[in-house]
């Protein structure tokens, strides 16, 4: 079977083969293609292609005409299945993508993004989602009315179109499956009526796959790992129209390196940098410390403890029950776009926050170590994996779509 991944709102990066199970699917004998509609989706916001975008295999789809052309090239007797990522990003463009796939007679499945720890919400019933969808319909009516008024702004039209697409798209262009990365990802559904669908298949968080593959590597080494979020240039901030969290990179790295120096002296460890997949570093930012790409899960598994700001790599810390420092810098003030993430993680996990601004010889670092413990089981079940399944995310996906008609 040919499996075509369509990334609606992102490029295809160098370390995506593992994240999206491409190596596993190829081993199962499937032919893989990767299409990206990121330029079409965000035009004209994104112009430059990051240096760490995967070269060679990526096909850019920049318009509906280009997508039609690609779909027409697929023989009608070929067994093919489209996986459209991410499900929550429903707008006129991503609705059109699904509409054209259906028009050409092909099957597709939606894949949700792995939810963020700051979005963890407990005890949500289906009645809750029903009321939430009613509220969205009300918002659509309000924006529709405002669009009829004189001097209606483009932003109002854009919001109306968003609510219209997210309401009708999932109902008009039904997927074969909605692959939902744990229960918390229901919060990402564009149309909450789809929460009731029998086509939903719960799969684990991406990092659970790494955990299963590397359960045996927990040989603690004298290292601490800093989980980098590439705050000086992460492209996701550009896509949502916000400034990078860190503008003064010199001060940022100075504070981090002061902390790393103290950690190394206090605990007799070496601090390694688990670089964000989208990071583009020269190599000198962290005081000559080793910067490692694509090995975050393995580094956490073998580390003495982790150094964490915010982000989805918290899953590896929780699954490994690894002690960690929860840090923030002097630049993470209330007006910083990353502040809410740090604050929410602190509130949800009740962490002891360590400010890099307060590093001194007299500071007792031991007092700021957080240990996950059994209290995290509930968060793990909502956010990472419903039950400790022996199957990875793409083992479940492959099993489902292999039985689909083309």
Protein backbone atom coordinates (compact mmCIF):
# COMPACT_ATOMS: atom_id res chain seq x y z
CA UNK A 1 0.00 0.00 0.00
CA UNK A 2 1.10 3.55 -0.67
CA UNK A 3 0.74 5.81 2.37
CA UNK A 4 0.82 9.54 1.71
CA UNK A 5 1.38 11.85 4.66
CA UNK A 6 0.03 15.34 4.11
CA UNK A 7 1.48 17.85 6.55
CA UNK A 8 -0.99 20.72 6.45
CA UNK A 9 0.94 23.21 8.55
CA UNK A 10 4.57 22.12 8.80
CA UNK A 11 7.65 21.13 6.88
CA UNK A 12 9.14 17.63 7.01
CA UNK A 13 12.17 17.74 9.28
CA UNK A 14 15.28 15.61 9.48
CA UNK A 15 14.12 13.72 12.57
CA UNK A 16 10.52 13.13 11.50
CA UNK A 17 11.10 9.58 10.22
CA UNK A 18 10.90 8.25 13.77
CA UNK A 19 8.24 10.64 15.02
CA UNK A 20 5.83 9.65 12.24
CA UNK A 21 6.73 5.97 12.10
CA UNK A 22 8.03 6.17 8.54
CA UNK A 23 10.84 3.68 9.07
CA UNK A 24 8.42 1.22 10.68
CA UNK A 25 5.90 1.59 7.84
CA UNK A 26 8.61 1.06 5.23
CA UNK A 27 9.74 -2.09 7.04
CA UNK A 28 6.15 -3.31 6.75
CA UNK A 29 6.43 -2.96 2.97
CA UNK A 30 4.50 0.28 2.49
CA UNK A 31 5.55 2.91 -0.01
CA UNK A 32 5.74 6.32 1.69
CA UNK A 33 5.31 9.80 0.25
CA UNK A 34 5.39 13.05 2.19
CA UNK A 35 3.52 16.10 0.95
CA UNK A 36 3.56 19.46 2.71
CA UNK A 37 0.98 22.21 2.27
CA UNK A 38 2.72 24.59 4.68
CA UNK A 39 3.36 27.28 2.06
CA UNK A 40 -0.24 27.09 0.82
CA UNK A 41 -1.59 27.07 4.37
CA UNK A 42 0.38 30.07 5.63
CA UNK A 43 0.97 32.07 2.45
CA UNK A 44 2.49 34.63 2.48
CA UNK A 45 3.83 34.33 6.05
CA UNK A 46 6.41 31.57 5.55
CA UNK A 47 9.01 32.22 2.89
CA UNK A 48 12.33 30.79 4.02
CA UNK A 49 12.76 27.03 4.35
CA UNK A 50 14.63 26.06 7.55
CA UNK A 51 18.01 24.42 7.05
CA UNK A 52 16.99 21.26 8.89
CA UNK A 53 14.08 20.44 6.59
CA UNK A 54 14.38 16.91 5.20
CA UNK A 55 15.69 17.07 1.66
CA UNK A 56 14.90 14.78 -1.23
CA UNK A 57 11.58 13.19 -0.34
CA UNK A 58 9.40 16.18 0.48
CA UNK A 59 6.82 17.30 -2.10
CA UNK A 60 5.35 20.77 -1.62
CA UNK A 61 1.70 21.32 -2.48
CA UNK A 62 1.25 25.06 -2.93
CA UNK A 63 -2.28 25.27 -4.33
CA UNK A 64 -5.47 23.33 -4.99
CA UNK A 65 -4.40 23.00 -8.64
CA UNK A 66 -1.11 21.41 -7.57
CA UNK A 67 -2.97 18.99 -5.28
CA UNK A 68 -5.39 18.06 -8.09
CA UNK A 69 -2.43 17.41 -10.36
CA UNK A 70 -0.79 15.13 -7.80
CA UNK A 71 -4.00 13.22 -7.13
CA UNK A 72 -4.57 12.70 -10.86
CA UNK A 73 -1.15 11.05 -11.13
CA UNK A 74 -2.21 8.23 -8.80
CA UNK A 75 -3.61 5.24 -10.75
CA UNK A 76 -7.20 4.45 -9.81
CA UNK A 77 -6.38 0.80 -9.17
CA UNK A 78 -3.54 1.61 -6.75
CA UNK A 79 -4.18 0.99 -3.07
CA UNK A 80 -3.39 4.27 -1.33
CA UNK A 81 -4.25 5.83 2.00
CA UNK A 82 -3.73 9.45 3.03
CA UNK A 83 -2.83 10.45 6.59
CA UNK A 84 -3.62 14.13 7.12
CA UNK A 85 -1.77 15.88 9.93
CA UNK A 86 -2.70 17.69 12.09
CA UNK A 87 -6.41 17.21 12.67
CA UNK A 88 -6.92 20.32 14.80
CA UNK A 89 -5.70 22.66 12.04
CA UNK A 90 -8.98 23.06 10.18
CA UNK A 91 -9.33 26.09 7.91
CA UNK A 92 -10.35 26.78 4.30
CA UNK A 93 -7.10 25.31 2.95
CA UNK A 94 -7.07 22.15 5.06
CA UNK A 95 -10.78 21.61 4.41
CA UNK A 96 -10.05 21.87 0.68
CA UNK A 97 -7.29 19.26 0.99
CA UNK A 98 -9.71 16.73 2.48
CA UNK A 99 -12.44 17.67 0.00
CA UNK A 100 -10.16 16.97 -2.98
CA UNK A 101 -9.01 13.63 -1.55
CA UNK A 102 -12.65 12.56 -1.20
CA UNK A 103 -13.52 13.96 -4.65
CA UNK A 104 -10.87 11.74 -6.22
CA UNK A 105 -12.22 8.67 -4.45
CA UNK A 106 -9.38 8.09 -1.99
CA UNK A 107 -9.51 7.24 1.70
CA UNK A 108 -7.86 9.34 4.36
CA UNK A 109 -7.40 9.34 8.11
CA UNK A 110 -6.83 12.25 10.44
CA UNK A 111 -3.96 12.24 12.90
CA UNK A 112 -4.06 14.54 15.91
CA UNK A 113 -1.04 16.30 17.24
CA UNK A 114 0.36 15.06 20.53
CA UNK A 115 -1.34 17.24 23.10
CA UNK A 116 0.59 19.63 25.27
CA UNK A 117 0.86 19.10 29.02
CA UNK A 118 -0.62 22.58 29.55
CA UNK A 119 -3.81 21.40 27.83
CA UNK A 120 -4.43 18.51 30.24
CA UNK A 121 -8.03 18.64 31.41
CA UNK A 122 -9.64 15.93 33.53
CA UNK A 123 -13.21 14.63 33.84
CA UNK A 124 -14.51 15.93 30.53
CA UNK A 125 -17.71 14.16 29.58
CA UNK A 126 -19.26 13.91 26.15
CA UNK A 127 -21.94 16.30 27.34
CA UNK A 128 -19.19 18.85 27.93
CA UNK A 129 -18.04 18.54 24.30
CA UNK A 130 -21.64 18.87 23.08
CA UNK A 131 -22.04 22.17 24.92
CA UNK A 132 -18.65 23.31 23.66
CA UNK A 133 -19.68 22.66 20.05
CA UNK A 134 -22.90 24.60 20.61
CA UNK A 135 -20.76 27.49 21.78
CA UNK A 136 -18.70 27.24 18.58
CA UNK A 137 -21.88 27.38 16.50
CA UNK A 138 -22.86 30.51 18.41
CA UNK A 139 -19.44 32.02 17.63
CA UNK A 140 -19.94 31.22 13.94
CA UNK A 141 -23.28 33.04 13.97
CA UNK A 142 -21.75 36.05 15.71
CA UNK A 143 -18.85 36.29 13.26
CA UNK A 144 -21.23 35.71 10.35
CA UNK A 145 -23.35 38.63 11.50
CA UNK A 146 -20.30 40.85 11.97
CA UNK A 147 -19.18 40.04 8.42
CA UNK A 148 -22.41 41.60 7.13
CA UNK A 149 -21.65 44.90 8.82
CA UNK A 150 -19.90 47.77 7.00
CA UNK A 151 -16.13 47.98 7.36
CA UNK A 152 -15.77 44.35 8.37
CA UNK A 153 -12.08 43.60 8.99
CA UNK A 154 -10.20 40.72 7.28
CA UNK A 155 -9.58 39.23 10.73
CA UNK A 156 -13.32 38.87 11.33
CA UNK A 157 -13.77 37.18 7.94
CA UNK A 158 -10.88 34.85 8.74
CA UNK A 159 -12.46 33.87 12.08
CA UNK A 160 -15.83 33.26 10.43
CA UNK A 161 -14.22 31.05 7.79
CA UNK A 162 -12.34 29.14 10.48
CA UNK A 163 -15.49 28.32 12.43
CA UNK A 164 -17.37 27.47 9.24
CA UNK A 165 -14.67 25.08 8.00
CA UNK A 166 -14.18 23.39 11.36
CA UNK A 167 -17.94 22.91 11.75
CA UNK A 168 -18.79 21.51 8.32
CA UNK A 169 -15.50 19.95 7.13
CA UNK A 170 -15.34 16.92 9.46
CA UNK A 171 -19.02 16.19 8.75
CA UNK A 172 -18.89 16.59 4.96
CA UNK A 173 -15.53 14.91 4.36
CA UNK A 174 -15.46 11.98 6.71
CA UNK A 175 -12.21 10.22 7.45
CA UNK A 176 -11.71 6.48 7.63
CA UNK A 177 -10.21 6.92 11.09
CA UNK A 178 -9.38 9.72 13.50
CA UNK A 179 -6.18 8.69 15.25
CA UNK A 180 -6.30 10.42 18.62
CA UNK A 181 -3.10 10.76 20.62
CA UNK A 182 -4.60 9.92 24.02
CA UNK A 183 -7.82 11.22 25.54
CA UNK A 184 -6.53 14.72 26.09
CA UNK A 185 -6.22 15.21 22.31
CA UNK A 186 -10.03 15.30 22.03
CA UNK A 187 -9.56 18.92 23.06
CA UNK A 188 -7.91 19.45 19.66
CA UNK A 189 -10.88 18.27 17.59
CA UNK A 190 -12.08 20.95 15.14
CA UNK A 191 -15.67 19.72 15.53
CA UNK A 192 -16.51 18.34 18.96
CA UNK A 193 -19.39 16.29 17.57
CA UNK A 194 -16.66 14.01 16.20
CA UNK A 195 -15.79 13.06 19.78
CA UNK A 196 -18.85 10.78 19.54
CA UNK A 197 -17.58 9.07 16.37
CA UNK A 198 -16.87 5.35 16.30
CA UNK A 199 -14.06 6.09 13.85
CA UNK A 200 -11.87 7.44 16.65
CA UNK A 201 -8.90 5.27 17.56
CA UNK A 202 -6.90 6.12 20.68
CA UNK A 203 -3.15 5.85 20.16
CA UNK A 204 -0.29 6.68 22.54
CA UNK A 205 1.68 9.89 22.61
CA UNK A 206 4.62 9.96 20.18
CA UNK A 207 7.16 9.63 22.97
CA UNK A 208 5.59 6.42 24.25
CA UNK A 209 7.01 4.71 21.16
CA UNK A 210 10.51 5.81 22.12
CA UNK A 211 9.85 4.62 25.65
CA UNK A 212 8.84 1.14 24.50
CA UNK A 213 11.84 0.84 22.19
CA UNK A 214 14.32 1.98 24.80
CA UNK A 215 12.98 0.57 28.06
CA UNK A 216 16.19 -1.35 28.61
CA UNK A 217 18.64 1.55 28.33
CA UNK A 218 18.09 2.96 31.82
CA UNK A 219 21.74 2.80 32.78
CA UNK A 220 22.27 5.97 34.74
CA UNK A 221 25.31 7.92 33.61
CA UNK A 222 26.94 10.97 35.21
CA UNK A 223 25.06 13.35 32.90
CA UNK A 224 22.28 15.88 33.18
CA UNK A 225 20.29 16.72 30.06
CA UNK A 226 18.91 20.14 29.20
CA UNK A 227 15.77 19.82 27.07
CA UNK A 228 16.07 22.63 24.56
CA UNK A 229 13.03 24.44 23.13
CA UNK A 230 14.97 26.61 20.65
CA UNK A 231 13.40 29.75 22.06
CA UNK A 232 15.54 32.08 19.97
CA UNK A 233 14.15 30.90 16.63
CA UNK A 234 11.44 28.20 16.81
CA UNK A 235 9.33 28.52 13.64
CA UNK A 236 6.06 27.69 15.44
CA UNK A 237 6.10 31.15 17.02
CA UNK A 238 6.31 32.66 13.53
CA UNK A 239 3.33 30.63 12.36
CA UNK A 240 1.09 31.90 15.16
CA UNK A 241 2.25 35.46 14.60
CA UNK A 242 4.18 35.95 17.85
CA UNK A 243 7.70 37.05 18.64
CA UNK A 244 10.29 34.52 19.72
CA UNK A 245 10.21 34.05 23.51
CA UNK A 246 13.86 35.08 23.80
CA UNK A 247 15.07 38.26 22.14
CA UNK A 248 18.27 38.79 24.14
CA UNK A 249 20.00 35.53 23.27
CA UNK A 250 23.30 36.60 24.85
CA UNK A 251 21.70 37.06 28.27
CA UNK A 252 19.62 33.91 27.85
CA UNK A 253 22.61 31.67 27.18
CA UNK A 254 24.64 33.39 29.88
CA UNK A 255 22.01 32.56 32.51
CA UNK A 256 21.64 28.98 31.31
CA UNK A 257 25.38 28.37 31.25
CA UNK A 258 25.74 29.79 34.77
CA UNK A 259 23.14 27.27 35.93
CA UNK A 260 24.82 24.43 34.04
CA UNK A 261 28.19 25.33 35.59
CA UNK A 262 26.72 25.12 39.09
CA UNK A 263 24.91 21.85 38.36
CA UNK A 264 28.12 20.30 37.06
CA UNK A 265 30.07 21.42 40.14
CA UNK A 266 27.38 20.39 42.62
CA UNK A 267 26.48 16.97 41.25
CA UNK A 268 29.69 15.97 39.41
CA UNK A 269 27.85 15.54 36.12
CA UNK A 270 28.26 16.80 32.58
CA UNK A 271 25.36 18.78 31.14
CA UNK A 272 24.42 17.72 27.62
CA UNK A 273 22.05 19.65 25.36
CA UNK A 274 19.14 17.70 23.85
CA UNK A 275 18.53 20.08 20.95
CA UNK A 276 15.07 20.80 19.64
CA UNK A 277 14.62 19.18 16.18
CA UNK A 278 14.07 22.60 14.58
CA UNK A 279 17.08 24.23 16.25
CA UNK A 280 19.89 25.77 14.22
CA UNK A 281 22.87 26.34 16.52
CA UNK A 282 26.44 27.29 15.65
CA UNK A 283 27.77 25.06 18.43
CA UNK A 284 29.08 27.74 20.80
CA UNK A 285 25.86 28.86 22.48
CA UNK A 286 26.08 26.51 25.46
CA UNK A 287 29.67 27.12 26.49
CA UNK A 288 31.10 24.34 24.37
CA UNK A 289 28.77 21.69 25.76
CA UNK A 290 27.77 18.90 23.42
CA UNK A 291 24.61 19.62 21.42
CA UNK A 292 22.83 16.42 20.40
CA UNK A 293 19.95 16.10 17.93
CA UNK A 294 17.37 13.33 17.74
CA UNK A 295 18.33 11.61 21.01
CA UNK A 296 16.20 13.36 23.63
CA UNK A 297 14.43 10.23 24.87
CA UNK A 298 17.66 8.25 25.11
CA UNK A 299 19.46 11.07 26.92
CA UNK A 300 16.68 11.41 29.48
CA UNK A 301 16.63 7.64 30.02
CA UNK A 302 20.34 7.49 30.83
CA UNK A 303 20.64 10.80 32.70
CA UNK A 304 20.88 11.41 36.40
CA UNK A 305 18.25 14.13 36.02
CA UNK A 306 16.77 16.49 33.43
CA UNK A 307 16.68 20.29 33.16
CA UNK A 308 13.30 21.35 31.82
CA UNK A 309 11.67 24.62 30.72
CA UNK A 310 8.43 23.52 29.04
CA UNK A 311 7.37 21.42 26.05
CA UNK A 312 6.24 17.93 25.13
CA UNK A 313 9.48 16.18 26.13
CA UNK A 314 8.07 16.17 29.63
CA UNK A 315 6.49 12.87 28.58
CA UNK A 316 9.87 11.16 28.68
CA UNK A 317 10.57 12.55 32.13
CA UNK A 318 7.26 11.24 33.47
CA UNK A 319 7.49 7.83 31.80
CA UNK A 320 11.01 7.34 33.14
CA UNK A 321 10.10 8.77 36.53
CA UNK A 322 13.21 10.89 36.13
CA UNK A 323 14.06 13.68 38.64
CA UNK A 324 14.17 17.11 37.03
CA UNK A 325 14.73 20.80 37.55
CA UNK A 326 11.91 23.01 36.32
CA UNK A 327 13.59 26.27 35.35
CA UNK A 328 12.83 29.68 33.92
CA UNK A 329 15.02 32.66 33.05
CA UNK A 330 14.76 36.35 33.87
CA UNK A 331 13.32 36.85 30.38
CA UNK A 332 10.33 34.58 31.07
CA UNK A 333 8.19 37.38 32.45
CA UNK A 334 4.41 37.58 32.30
CA UNK A 335 4.50 39.30 28.89
CA UNK A 336 6.70 36.55 27.42
CA UNK A 337 4.67 34.22 25.12
CA UNK A 338 6.27 31.16 26.77
CA UNK A 339 5.38 32.31 30.28
CA UNK A 340 1.93 30.71 30.28
CA UNK A 341 3.41 27.31 29.41
CA UNK A 342 5.91 27.43 32.25
CA UNK A 343 3.25 28.66 34.68
CA UNK A 344 0.72 26.01 33.67
CA UNK A 345 3.22 23.16 33.93
CA UNK A 346 4.11 24.48 37.36
CA UNK A 347 0.44 24.54 38.36
CA UNK A 348 -0.47 21.12 36.94
CA UNK A 349 2.57 19.28 38.28
CA UNK A 350 3.06 21.46 41.37
CA UNK A 351 6.76 21.78 40.58
CA UNK A 352 9.42 23.69 42.47
CA UNK A 353 10.49 26.41 40.03
CA UNK A 354 14.14 27.43 39.80
CA UNK A 355 15.03 30.86 38.41
CA UNK A 356 18.31 31.02 36.49
CA UNK A 357 18.56 34.64 37.62
CA UNK A 358 19.01 33.54 41.24
CA UNK A 359 21.99 31.23 40.75
CA UNK A 360 24.60 31.86 43.42
CA UNK A 361 27.20 29.92 45.38
CA UNK A 362 24.88 29.75 48.39
CA UNK A 363 21.89 28.37 46.47
CA UNK A 364 21.00 24.80 47.49
CA UNK A 365 20.09 23.13 44.22
CA UNK A 366 18.92 19.95 45.94
CA UNK A 367 15.87 21.83 47.21
CA UNK A 368 14.64 22.38 43.64
CA UNK A 369 14.71 18.79 42.39
CA UNK A 370 11.27 17.50 41.35
CA UNK A 371 10.53 13.76 41.44
CA UNK A 372 7.44 12.67 39.42
CA UNK A 373 6.33 9.68 41.54
CA UNK A 374 3.02 7.81 41.54
CA UNK A 375 1.00 11.04 41.65
CA UNK A 376 1.67 11.44 37.92
CA UNK A 377 -0.22 8.27 36.89
CA UNK A 378 -3.43 10.18 36.23
CA UNK A 379 -1.66 12.74 34.05
CA UNK A 380 0.08 9.94 32.15
CA UNK A 381 -3.26 8.25 31.40
CA UNK A 382 -4.78 11.44 29.95
CA UNK A 383 -1.71 12.84 28.26
CA UNK A 384 0.61 9.99 27.22
CA UNK A 385 -1.04 6.57 27.08
CA UNK A 386 -4.45 5.32 28.25
CA UNK A 387 -3.01 2.03 29.42
CA UNK A 388 0.50 0.63 29.25
CA UNK A 389 -0.09 -0.96 25.85
CA UNK A 390 2.62 -3.05 24.24
CA UNK A 391 1.80 -1.49 20.85
CA UNK A 392 3.28 1.73 19.54
CA UNK A 393 1.26 4.46 17.86
CA UNK A 394 2.10 3.44 14.31
CA UNK A 395 1.68 -0.26 14.99
CA UNK A 396 -1.95 0.57 15.78
CA UNK A 397 -2.25 2.91 12.78
CA UNK A 398 -0.72 0.37 10.37
CA UNK A 399 -3.03 -2.36 11.61
CA UNK A 400 -6.08 -0.15 11.06
CA UNK A 401 -5.31 1.24 7.61
CA UNK A 402 -4.02 -2.05 6.20
CA UNK A 403 -7.58 -3.33 6.30
CA UNK A 404 -9.00 -0.26 4.54
CA UNK A 405 -10.27 -0.23 1.02
CA UNK A 406 -8.23 1.99 -1.29
